[in-house]
Protein backbone atom coordinates (compact mmCIF):
# COMPACT_ATOMS: atom_id res chain seq x y z
CA MET A 1 -0.18 -0.18 0.28
CA ILE A 2 1.30 3.44 -1.19
CA VAL A 3 0.88 5.98 1.89
CA ILE A 4 -0.10 9.34 0.21
CA PRO A 5 -0.49 12.79 2.29
CA GLU A 6 -3.59 14.28 2.64
CA PHE A 7 -2.00 17.59 2.09
CA SER A 8 1.10 19.53 2.11
CA GLU A 9 2.67 22.73 3.52
CA ASN A 10 5.96 24.74 1.98
CA LYS A 11 8.21 26.13 4.70
CA ASP A 12 11.53 28.39 3.95
CA ASN A 13 13.64 25.09 4.09
CA ALA A 14 11.62 22.24 4.09
CA VAL A 15 7.97 20.61 3.39
CA VAL A 16 5.78 19.16 5.81
CA LEU A 17 3.24 16.36 4.49
CA TYR A 18 0.09 15.54 6.63
CA PHE A 19 -1.17 11.92 6.77
CA SER A 20 -4.88 11.37 8.34
CA THR A 21 -4.68 8.96 11.08
CA GLU A 22 -8.57 8.39 10.98
CA GLY A 23 -9.37 4.81 10.86
CA ALA A 24 -5.85 3.80 11.04
CA ASP A 25 -3.44 2.38 13.53
CA GLU A 26 -1.25 5.20 14.28
CA ALA A 27 1.83 2.85 14.89
CA VAL A 28 1.28 0.69 11.55
CA LEU A 29 0.88 4.21 9.79
CA ARG A 30 4.06 5.69 11.17
CA GLN A 31 6.07 2.36 9.67
CA LYS A 32 4.61 2.63 6.53
CA ILE A 33 5.53 6.25 6.16
CA GLU A 34 8.96 5.52 7.63
CA ALA A 35 9.48 3.04 4.96
CA ALA A 36 8.30 5.16 1.95
CA TYR A 37 9.73 8.57 2.89
CA VAL A 38 13.11 7.62 4.02
CA CYS A 39 14.58 10.92 3.55
CA PHE A 40 12.19 12.63 6.63
CA SER A 41 13.98 15.08 9.02
CA LYS A 42 11.06 15.18 11.66
CA MET A 43 7.87 12.95 12.35
CA GLY A 44 5.18 13.83 14.97
CA SER A 45 1.48 13.86 15.60
CA VAL A 46 -0.23 17.00 15.16
CA VAL A 47 -3.91 18.35 15.06
CA LYS A 48 -5.17 20.66 12.38
CA ASN A 49 -8.75 21.77 11.63
CA GLY A 50 -9.84 19.30 14.48
CA LYS A 51 -8.36 16.30 12.88
CA ARG A 52 -5.37 14.35 13.80
CA TYR A 53 -2.65 14.06 11.26
CA ILE A 54 1.07 12.50 11.45
CA ALA A 55 3.22 15.34 10.13
CA VAL A 56 6.50 14.48 8.37
CA GLU A 57 8.91 17.23 7.63
CA ILE A 58 11.10 16.59 4.50
CA GLU A 59 14.10 19.32 4.46
CA ASP A 60 15.01 20.81 1.06
CA GLN A 61 18.75 21.06 1.01
């Protein structure tokens, strides 16, 4: 299964990808994201617009 972000956000030196945790086992989802996006610099849980997401930051070098 390919893990696709629900939306993204550009920052000065990075892009942040947001993956919805709705209806998913968060631990399993994190493992899939780690396998698919090996170049990420940070990963964490956030709430945006009342929904919970796993946010993955990828630095732009």
